PDB file of N, CA and C in Angstrom:
ATOM      1  N   MET A   1     -16.603 -11.323  36.706  1.00  0.00           N
ATOM      2  CA  MET A   1     -16.734 -12.496  35.889  1.00  0.00           C
ATOM      3  C   MET A   1     -16.036 -13.611  36.598  1.00  0.00           C
ATOM      4  N   ASN A   2     -16.679 -14.754  36.603  1.00  0.00           N
ATOM      5  CA  ASN A   2     -16.128 -16.003  37.263  1.00  0.00           C
ATOM      6  C   ASN A   2     -15.041 -16.599  36.396  1.00  0.00           C
ATOM      7  N   LYS A   3     -14.091 -17.217  37.056  1.00  0.00           N
ATOM      8  CA  LYS A   3     -13.034 -17.939  36.338  1.00  0.00           C
ATOM      9  C   LYS A   3     -13.252 -19.448  36.552  1.00  0.00           C
ATOM     10  N   HIS A   4     -12.993 -20.192  35.506  1.00  0.00           N
ATOM     11  CA  HIS A   4     -13.193 -21.646  35.552  1.00  0.00           C
ATOM     12  C   HIS A   4     -11.867 -22.307  35.131  1.00  0.00           C
ATOM     13  N   ASN A   5     -11.482 -23.312  35.846  1.00  0.00           N
ATOM     14  CA  ASN A   5     -10.258 -24.059  35.534  1.00  0.00           C
ATOM     15  C   ASN A   5     -10.564 -25.324  34.784  1.00  0.00           C
ATOM     16  N   TYR A   6      -9.748 -25.605  33.746  1.00  0.00           N
ATOM     17  CA  TYR A   6      -9.878 -26.820  32.937  1.00  0.00           C
ATOM     18  C   TYR A   6      -8.526 -27.432  32.732  1.00  0.00           C
ATOM     19  N   SER A   7      -8.494 -28.745  32.643  1.00  0.00           N
ATOM     20  CA  SER A   7      -7.303 -29.440  32.282  1.00  0.00           C
ATOM     21  C   SER A   7      -7.431 -29.862  30.861  1.00  0.00           C
ATOM     22  N   ILE A   8      -6.523 -29.390  29.998  1.00  0.00           N
ATOM     23  CA  ILE A   8      -6.590 -29.793  28.564  1.00  0.00           C
ATOM     24  C   ILE A   8      -5.191 -30.263  28.068  1.00  0.00           C
ATOM     25  N   SER A   9      -5.258 -31.013  26.949  1.00  0.00           N
ATOM     26  CA  SER A   9      -4.033 -31.451  26.339  1.00  0.00           C
ATOM     27  C   SER A   9      -3.835 -30.605  25.055  1.00  0.00           C
ATOM     28  N   ILE A  10      -2.588 -30.126  24.871  1.00  0.00           N
ATOM     29  CA  ILE A  10      -2.273 -29.343  23.679  1.00  0.00           C
ATOM     30  C   ILE A  10      -1.247 -30.029  22.870  1.00  0.00           C
ATOM     31  N   PRO A  11      -1.552 -30.314  21.572  1.00  0.00           N
ATOM     32  CA  PRO A  11      -0.541 -30.971  20.762  1.00  0.00           C
ATOM     33  C   PRO A  11       0.557 -29.931  20.384  1.00  0.00           C
ATOM     34  N   ALA A  12       1.797 -30.298  20.684  1.00  0.00           N
ATOM     35  CA  ALA A  12       2.929 -29.443  20.396  1.00  0.00           C
ATOM     36  C   ALA A  12       4.203 -30.299  20.328  1.00  0.00           C
ATOM     37  N   LYS A  13       5.189 -29.792  19.606  1.00  0.00           N
ATOM     38  CA  LYS A  13       6.460 -30.513  19.511  1.00  0.00           C
ATOM     39  C   LYS A  13       7.282 -30.396  20.782  1.00  0.00           C
ATOM     40  N   THR A  14       7.163 -29.276  21.493  1.00  0.00           N
ATOM     41  CA  THR A  14       7.910 -29.041  22.729  1.00  0.00           C
ATOM     42  C   THR A  14       6.996 -28.494  23.809  1.00  0.00           C
ATOM     43  N   GLU A  15       7.447 -28.577  25.026  1.00  0.00           N
ATOM     44  CA  GLU A  15       6.676 -27.974  26.127  1.00  0.00           C
ATOM     45  C   GLU A  15       6.632 -26.459  26.001  1.00  0.00           C
ATOM     46  N   ALA A  16       7.697 -25.868  25.491  1.00  0.00           N
ATOM     47  CA  ALA A  16       7.703 -24.394  25.283  1.00  0.00           C
ATOM     48  C   ALA A  16       6.645 -23.972  24.248  1.00  0.00           C
ATOM     49  N   GLU A  17       6.530 -24.757  23.191  1.00  0.00           N
ATOM     50  CA  GLU A  17       5.503 -24.496  22.196  1.00  0.00           C
ATOM     51  C   GLU A  17       4.095 -24.611  22.755  1.00  0.00           C
ATOM     52  N   ALA A  18       3.903 -25.638  23.600  1.00  0.00           N
ATOM     53  CA  ALA A  18       2.589 -25.810  24.220  1.00  0.00           C
ATOM     54  C   ALA A  18       2.303 -24.661  25.140  1.00  0.00           C
ATOM     55  N   ALA A  19       3.289 -24.167  25.885  1.00  0.00           N
ATOM     56  CA  ALA A  19       3.096 -22.986  26.801  1.00  0.00           C
ATOM     57  C   ALA A  19       2.716 -21.767  26.003  1.00  0.00           C
ATOM     58  N   ASP A  20       3.399 -21.539  24.863  1.00  0.00           N
ATOM     59  CA  ASP A  20       3.076 -20.424  23.971  1.00  0.00           C
ATOM     60  C   ASP A  20       1.633 -20.532  23.488  1.00  0.00           C
ATOM     61  N   LYS A  21       1.208 -21.710  23.126  1.00  0.00           N
ATOM     62  CA  LYS A  21      -0.151 -21.916  22.628  1.00  0.00           C
ATOM     63  C   LYS A  21      -1.187 -21.591  23.712  1.00  0.00           C
ATOM     64  N   ILE A  22      -0.913 -22.054  24.935  1.00  0.00           N
ATOM     65  CA  ILE A  22      -1.828 -21.796  26.047  1.00  0.00           C
ATOM     66  C   ILE A  22      -1.912 -20.293  26.335  1.00  0.00           C
ATOM     67  N   LYS A  23      -0.796 -19.624  26.302  1.00  0.00           N
ATOM     68  CA  LYS A  23      -0.790 -18.166  26.548  1.00  0.00           C
ATOM     69  C   LYS A  23      -1.630 -17.460  25.464  1.00  0.00           C
ATOM     70  N   ALA A  24      -1.462 -17.865  24.198  1.00  0.00           N
ATOM     71  CA  ALA A  24      -2.221 -17.230  23.132  1.00  0.00           C
ATOM     72  C   ALA A  24      -3.701 -17.539  23.270  1.00  0.00           C
ATOM     73  N   LEU A  25      -4.037 -18.763  23.622  1.00  0.00           N
ATOM     74  CA  LEU A  25      -5.436 -19.150  23.769  1.00  0.00           C
ATOM     75  C   LEU A  25      -6.084 -18.379  24.945  1.00  0.00           C
ATOM     76  N   SER A  26      -5.289 -18.142  25.952  1.00  0.00           N
ATOM     77  CA  SER A  26      -5.786 -17.386  27.109  1.00  0.00           C
ATOM     78  C   SER A  26      -6.136 -15.965  26.731  1.00  0.00           C
ATOM     79  N   VAL A  27      -5.288 -15.351  25.911  1.00  0.00           N
ATOM     80  CA  VAL A  27      -5.553 -13.943  25.428  1.00  0.00           C
ATOM     81  C   VAL A  27      -6.805 -13.960  24.599  1.00  0.00           C
ATOM     82  N   LEU A  28      -6.939 -14.930  23.662  1.00  0.00           N
ATOM     83  CA  LEU A  28      -8.136 -14.992  22.827  1.00  0.00           C
ATOM     84  C   LEU A  28      -9.383 -15.172  23.671  1.00  0.00           C
ATOM     85  N   ALA A  29      -9.334 -16.048  24.656  1.00  0.00           N
ATOM     86  CA  ALA A  29     -10.517 -16.275  25.512  1.00  0.00           C
ATOM     87  C   ALA A  29     -10.866 -15.070  26.333  1.00  0.00           C
ATOM     88  N   THR A  30      -9.857 -14.275  26.688  1.00  0.00           N
ATOM     89  CA  THR A  30     -10.117 -13.025  27.451  1.00  0.00           C
ATOM     90  C   THR A  30     -10.696 -11.931  26.583  1.00  0.00           C
ATOM     91  N   LYS A  31     -10.251 -11.815  25.347  1.00  0.00           N
ATOM     92  CA  LYS A  31     -10.645 -10.709  24.504  1.00  0.00           C
ATOM     93  C   LYS A  31     -11.836 -10.967  23.621  1.00  0.00           C
ATOM     94  N   LEU A  32     -12.181 -12.214  23.356  1.00  0.00           N
ATOM     95  CA  LEU A  32     -13.310 -12.581  22.505  1.00  0.00           C
ATOM     96  C   LEU A  32     -14.386 -13.200  23.276  1.00  0.00           C
ATOM     97  N   THR A  33     -15.627 -12.988  22.785  1.00  0.00           N
ATOM     98  CA  THR A  33     -16.830 -13.675  23.404  1.00  0.00           C
ATOM     99  C   THR A  33     -16.818 -15.137  23.017  1.00  0.00           C
ATOM    100  N   ALA A  34     -17.642 -15.882  23.685  1.00  0.00           N
ATOM    101  CA  ALA A  34     -17.851 -17.273  23.313  1.00  0.00           C
ATOM    102  C   ALA A  34     -18.297 -17.421  21.870  1.00  0.00           C
ATOM    103  N   LYS A  35     -19.234 -16.560  21.514  1.00  0.00           N
ATOM    104  CA  LYS A  35     -19.752 -16.591  20.120  1.00  0.00           C
ATOM    105  C   LYS A  35     -18.683 -16.261  19.123  1.00  0.00           C
ATOM    106  N   GLU A  36     -17.826 -15.291  19.400  1.00  0.00           N
ATOM    107  CA  GLU A  36     -16.748 -14.964  18.483  1.00  0.00           C
ATOM    108  C   GLU A  36     -15.691 -16.091  18.371  1.00  0.00           C
ATOM    109  N   LEU A  37     -15.387 -16.669  19.494  1.00  0.00           N
ATOM    110  CA  LEU A  37     -14.455 -17.806  19.499  1.00  0.00           C
ATOM    111  C   LEU A  37     -15.010 -18.998  18.726  1.00  0.00           C
ATOM    112  N   THR A  38     -16.299 -19.244  18.880  1.00  0.00           N
ATOM    113  CA  THR A  38     -16.952 -20.331  18.162  1.00  0.00           C
ATOM    114  C   THR A  38     -16.908 -20.094  16.689  1.00  0.00           C
ATOM    115  N   LYS A  39     -17.205 -18.861  16.254  1.00  0.00           N
ATOM    116  CA  LYS A  39     -17.165 -18.566  14.791  1.00  0.00           C
ATOM    117  C   LYS A  39     -15.731 -18.620  14.279  1.00  0.00           C
ATOM    118  N   LEU A  40     -14.768 -18.164  15.065  1.00  0.00           N
ATOM    119  CA  LEU A  40     -13.352 -18.262  14.665  1.00  0.00           C
ATOM    120  C   LEU A  40     -12.928 -19.726  14.488  1.00  0.00           C
ATOM    121  N   ALA A  41     -13.283 -20.584  15.447  1.00  0.00           N
ATOM    122  CA  ALA A  41     -12.972 -22.001  15.336  1.00  0.00           C
ATOM    123  C   ALA A  41     -13.614 -22.629  14.126  1.00  0.00           C
ATOM    124  N   HIS A  42     -14.882 -22.249  13.850  1.00  0.00           N
ATOM    125  CA  HIS A  42     -15.598 -22.821  12.699  1.00  0.00           C
ATOM    126  C   HIS A  42     -14.881 -22.387  11.392  1.00  0.00           C
ATOM    127  N   THR A  43     -14.433 -21.130  11.328  1.00  0.00           N
ATOM    128  CA  THR A  43     -13.778 -20.662  10.117  1.00  0.00           C
ATOM    129  C   THR A  43     -12.457 -21.392   9.944  1.00  0.00           C
ATOM    130  N   VAL A  44     -11.712 -21.589  11.006  1.00  0.00           N
ATOM    131  CA  VAL A  44     -10.393 -22.312  10.907  1.00  0.00           C
ATOM    132  C   VAL A  44     -10.641 -23.714  10.445  1.00  0.00           C
ATOM    133  N   GLN A  45     -11.690 -24.351  10.963  1.00  0.00           N
ATOM    134  CA  GLN A  45     -11.972 -25.750  10.605  1.00  0.00           C
ATOM    135  C   GLN A  45     -12.516 -25.954   9.195  1.00  0.00           C
ATOM    136  N   HIS A  46     -13.334 -24.955   8.748  1.00  0.00           N
ATOM    137  CA  HIS A  46     -14.124 -25.236   7.526  1.00  0.00           C
ATOM    138  C   HIS A  46     -13.840 -24.244   6.409  1.00  0.00           C
ATOM    139  N   ASP A  47     -13.008 -23.300   6.536  1.00  0.00           N
ATOM    140  CA  ASP A  47     -12.756 -22.286   5.500  1.00  0.00           C
ATOM    141  C   ASP A  47     -11.250 -22.051   5.309  1.00  0.00           C
ATOM    142  N   PRO A  48     -10.587 -22.997   4.598  1.00  0.00           N
ATOM    143  CA  PRO A  48      -9.139 -22.868   4.452  1.00  0.00           C
ATOM    144  C   PRO A  48      -8.687 -21.605   3.714  1.00  0.00           C
ATOM    145  N   VAL A  49      -9.497 -21.026   2.893  1.00  0.00           N
ATOM    146  CA  VAL A  49      -9.123 -19.831   2.160  1.00  0.00           C
ATOM    147  C   VAL A  49      -9.038 -18.669   3.120  1.00  0.00           C
ATOM    148  N   LYS A  50     -10.058 -18.475   3.943  1.00  0.00           N
ATOM    149  CA  LYS A  50     -10.012 -17.410   4.928  1.00  0.00           C
ATOM    150  C   LYS A  50      -8.895 -17.591   5.956  1.00  0.00           C
ATOM    151  N   THR A  51      -8.658 -18.813   6.329  1.00  0.00           N
ATOM    152  CA  THR A  51      -7.601 -19.143   7.303  1.00  0.00           C
ATOM    153  C   THR A  51      -6.246 -18.788   6.677  1.00  0.00           C
ATOM    154  N   ALA A  52      -6.048 -19.158   5.406  1.00  0.00           N
ATOM    155  CA  ALA A  52      -4.803 -18.817   4.725  1.00  0.00           C
ATOM    156  C   ALA A  52      -4.614 -17.312   4.616  1.00  0.00           C
ATOM    157  N   MET A  53      -5.705 -16.618   4.312  1.00  0.00           N
ATOM    158  CA  MET A  53      -5.621 -15.144   4.208  1.00  0.00           C
ATOM    159  C   MET A  53      -5.212 -14.513   5.553  1.00  0.00           C
ATOM    160  N   ALA A  54      -5.811 -15.011   6.601  1.00  0.00           N
ATOM    161  CA  ALA A  54      -5.499 -14.511   7.949  1.00  0.00           C
ATOM    162  C   ALA A  54      -4.057 -14.765   8.282  1.00  0.00           C
ATOM    163  N   LYS A  55      -3.550 -15.950   8.024  1.00  0.00           N
ATOM    164  CA  LYS A  55      -2.148 -16.235   8.249  1.00  0.00           C
ATOM    165  C   LYS A  55      -1.241 -15.378   7.430  1.00  0.00           C
ATOM    166  N   ALA A  56      -1.582 -15.135   6.161  1.00  0.00           N
ATOM    167  CA  ALA A  56      -0.761 -14.245   5.364  1.00  0.00           C
ATOM    168  C   ALA A  56      -0.737 -12.808   5.897  1.00  0.00           C
ATOM    169  N   TYR A  57      -1.925 -12.363   6.323  1.00  0.00           N
ATOM    170  CA  TYR A  57      -1.999 -11.035   6.936  1.00  0.00           C
ATOM    171  C   TYR A  57      -1.148 -10.917   8.170  1.00  0.00           C
ATOM    172  N   LEU A  58      -1.115 -12.027   8.980  1.00  0.00           N
ATOM    173  CA  LEU A  58      -0.345 -11.993  10.242  1.00  0.00           C
ATOM    174  C   LEU A  58       1.157 -12.270   9.976  1.00  0.00           C
ATOM    175  N   GLY A  59       1.483 -12.650   8.748  1.00  0.00           N
ATOM    176  CA  GLY A  59       2.872 -12.940   8.429  1.00  0.00           C
ATOM    177  C   GLY A  59       3.366 -14.268   8.954  1.00  0.00           C
ATOM    178  N   VAL A  60       2.470 -15.204   9.073  1.00  0.00           N
ATOM    179  CA  VAL A  60       2.914 -16.552   9.535  1.00  0.00           C
ATOM    180  C   VAL A  60       2.561 -17.622   8.552  1.00  0.00           C
TER     181      VAL A  60
END
């Protein structure tokens, strides 16, 4: 599989928080397909009930 580099801006209160977000996004990008990531993003943006349920399940 080819790797592609991108330069992106991450909103975060600290640089450490931004680094944690990038690490987490990298794991998601590695483990999920583009279609799965797209559906996940859509759910987070448009379905606050499912998003709240997922956060509760994760304990965050």
